[in-house]
């Protein structure tokens, strides 16, 4: 995996990817964040492009692999 890829994600994209990795649906993410499911889908499309993957499962796999390589990966709002 390209290490710089995750650095290119916006805070909102990191937040959405974290929720996807936790098993949330697009509809649940949309409700939680106060955005439309179509907006969640647009964010995911951009995440896939940045991470060079073609689907949700591959994005989560890269996210989890990166997280284990770095020891931790958080995108909580308290992370500066």
C-alpha atoms as a PDB file:
ATOM      1  CA  UNK A   1       0.000   0.000   0.000  1.00  0.00           C
ATOM      2  CA  UNK A   2       1.137   3.487  -0.657  1.00  0.00           C
ATOM      3  CA  UNK A   3       1.739   5.073   2.726  1.00  0.00           C
ATOM      4  CA  UNK A   4       0.903   8.562   1.515  1.00  0.00           C
ATOM      5  CA  UNK A   5      -2.596   7.582   0.376  1.00  0.00           C
ATOM      6  CA  UNK A   6      -4.196   7.921   3.802  1.00  0.00           C
ATOM      7  CA  UNK A   7      -2.589  11.321   4.258  1.00  0.00           C
ATOM      8  CA  UNK A   8      -4.526  12.505   1.199  1.00  0.00           C
ATOM      9  CA  UNK A   9      -7.913  11.706   2.769  1.00  0.00           C
ATOM     10  CA  UNK A  10      -9.870  14.599   4.219  1.00  0.00           C
ATOM     11  CA  UNK A  11     -10.981  14.421   7.862  1.00  0.00           C
ATOM     12  CA  UNK A  12     -14.542  13.683   6.680  1.00  0.00           C
ATOM     13  CA  UNK A  13     -13.314  10.869   4.409  1.00  0.00           C
ATOM     14  CA  UNK A  14     -11.328   9.386   7.307  1.00  0.00           C
ATOM     15  CA  UNK A  15     -14.419   9.588   9.490  1.00  0.00           C
ATOM     16  CA  UNK A  16     -16.550   7.833   6.882  1.00  0.00           C
ATOM     17  CA  UNK A  17     -13.922   5.146   6.250  1.00  0.00           C
ATOM     18  CA  UNK A  18     -13.707   4.466   9.985  1.00  0.00           C
ATOM     19  CA  UNK A  19     -17.490   4.023  10.171  1.00  0.00           C
ATOM     20  CA  UNK A  20     -17.456   1.764   7.101  1.00  0.00           C
ATOM     21  CA  UNK A  21     -14.740  -0.355   8.742  1.00  0.00           C
ATOM     22  CA  UNK A  22     -16.985  -0.634  11.817  1.00  0.00           C
ATOM     23  CA  UNK A  23     -19.727  -2.073   9.606  1.00  0.00           C
ATOM     24  CA  UNK A  24     -22.015   0.938   9.250  1.00  0.00           C
ATOM     25  CA  UNK A  25     -24.244   1.182   6.180  1.00  0.00           C
ATOM     26  CA  UNK A  26     -24.278   4.267   3.967  1.00  0.00           C
ATOM     27  CA  UNK A  27     -27.740   5.116   5.240  1.00  0.00           C
ATOM     28  CA  UNK A  28     -26.643   4.851   8.900  1.00  0.00           C
ATOM     29  CA  UNK A  29     -23.533   6.950   8.218  1.00  0.00           C
ATOM     30  CA  UNK A  30     -25.665   9.575   6.489  1.00  0.00           C
ATOM     31  CA  UNK A  31     -28.069   9.779   9.434  1.00  0.00           C
ATOM     32  CA  UNK A  32     -25.208   9.948  11.928  1.00  0.00           C
ATOM     33  CA  UNK A  33     -23.384  12.722  10.054  1.00  0.00           C
ATOM     34  CA  UNK A  34     -26.451  14.648   8.942  1.00  0.00           C
ATOM     35  CA  UNK A  35     -25.743  14.230   5.232  1.00  0.00           C
ATOM     36  CA  UNK A  36     -27.510  12.363   2.432  1.00  0.00           C
ATOM     37  CA  UNK A  37     -26.702   8.761   1.506  1.00  0.00           C
ATOM     38  CA  UNK A  38     -25.713  10.070  -1.954  1.00  0.00           C
ATOM     39  CA  UNK A  39     -23.112  12.309  -0.305  1.00  0.00           C
ATOM     40  CA  UNK A  40     -21.764   9.314   1.613  1.00  0.00           C
ATOM     41  CA  UNK A  41     -21.539   7.457  -1.705  1.00  0.00           C
ATOM     42  CA  UNK A  42     -19.670  10.362  -3.286  1.00  0.00           C
ATOM     43  CA  UNK A  43     -17.193  10.389  -0.408  1.00  0.00           C
ATOM     44  CA  UNK A  44     -16.693   6.642  -0.794  1.00  0.00           C
ATOM     45  CA  UNK A  45     -16.074   6.999  -4.525  1.00  0.00           C
ATOM     46  CA  UNK A  46     -13.366   9.546  -3.766  1.00  0.00           C
ATOM     47  CA  UNK A  47     -11.910   7.331  -1.030  1.00  0.00           C
ATOM     48  CA  UNK A  48     -11.711   4.393  -3.470  1.00  0.00           C
ATOM     49  CA  UNK A  49      -9.940   6.596  -6.022  1.00  0.00           C
ATOM     50  CA  UNK A  50      -7.418   7.893  -3.499  1.00  0.00           C
ATOM     51  CA  UNK A  51      -6.710   4.424  -2.079  1.00  0.00           C
ATOM     52  CA  UNK A  52      -6.588   2.818  -5.544  1.00  0.00           C
ATOM     53  CA  UNK A  53      -9.317   0.295  -4.768  1.00  0.00           C
ATOM     54  CA  UNK A  54     -12.619  -0.473  -6.461  1.00  0.00           C
ATOM     55  CA  UNK A  55     -14.948  -1.374  -3.622  1.00  0.00           C
ATOM     56  CA  UNK A  56     -15.867  -1.092   0.048  1.00  0.00           C
ATOM     57  CA  UNK A  57     -14.245  -4.374   1.113  1.00  0.00           C
ATOM     58  CA  UNK A  58     -10.906  -3.460  -0.476  1.00  0.00           C
ATOM     59  CA  UNK A  59     -10.980  -0.009   1.154  1.00  0.00           C
ATOM     60  CA  UNK A  60     -11.627  -1.552   4.567  1.00  0.00           C
ATOM     61  CA  UNK A  61      -8.872  -4.113   4.023  1.00  0.00           C
ATOM     62  CA  UNK A  62      -6.369  -1.345   3.242  1.00  0.00           C
ATOM     63  CA  UNK A  63      -7.603   0.718   6.159  1.00  0.00           C
ATOM     64  CA  UNK A  64      -7.188  -2.179   8.606  1.00  0.00           C
ATOM     65  CA  UNK A  65      -3.780  -3.114   7.212  1.00  0.00           C
ATOM     66  CA  UNK A  66      -2.578   0.487   7.479  1.00  0.00           C
ATOM     67  CA  UNK A  67      -3.980   0.751  10.986  1.00  0.00           C
ATOM     68  CA  UNK A  68      -2.137  -2.374  12.137  1.00  0.00           C
ATOM     69  CA  UNK A  69       1.112  -1.210  10.500  1.00  0.00           C
ATOM     70  CA  UNK A  70       0.892   2.161  12.237  1.00  0.00           C
ATOM     71  CA  UNK A  71      -0.306   0.715  15.528  1.00  0.00           C
ATOM     72  CA  UNK A  72      -3.417   2.852  15.499  1.00  0.00           C
ATOM     73  CA  UNK A  73      -5.439   5.055  13.238  1.00  0.00           C
ATOM     74  CA  UNK A  74      -8.003   7.437  14.553  1.00  0.00           C
ATOM     75  CA  UNK A  75     -10.006  10.169  13.011  1.00  0.00           C
ATOM     76  CA  UNK A  76     -11.938  11.353  16.033  1.00  0.00           C
ATOM     77  CA  UNK A  77     -12.751  15.014  16.235  1.00  0.00           C
ATOM     78  CA  UNK A  78     -10.336  15.375  19.182  1.00  0.00           C
ATOM     79  CA  UNK A  79      -7.370  14.472  16.977  1.00  0.00           C
ATOM     80  CA  UNK A  80      -6.479  18.074  16.238  1.00  0.00           C
END
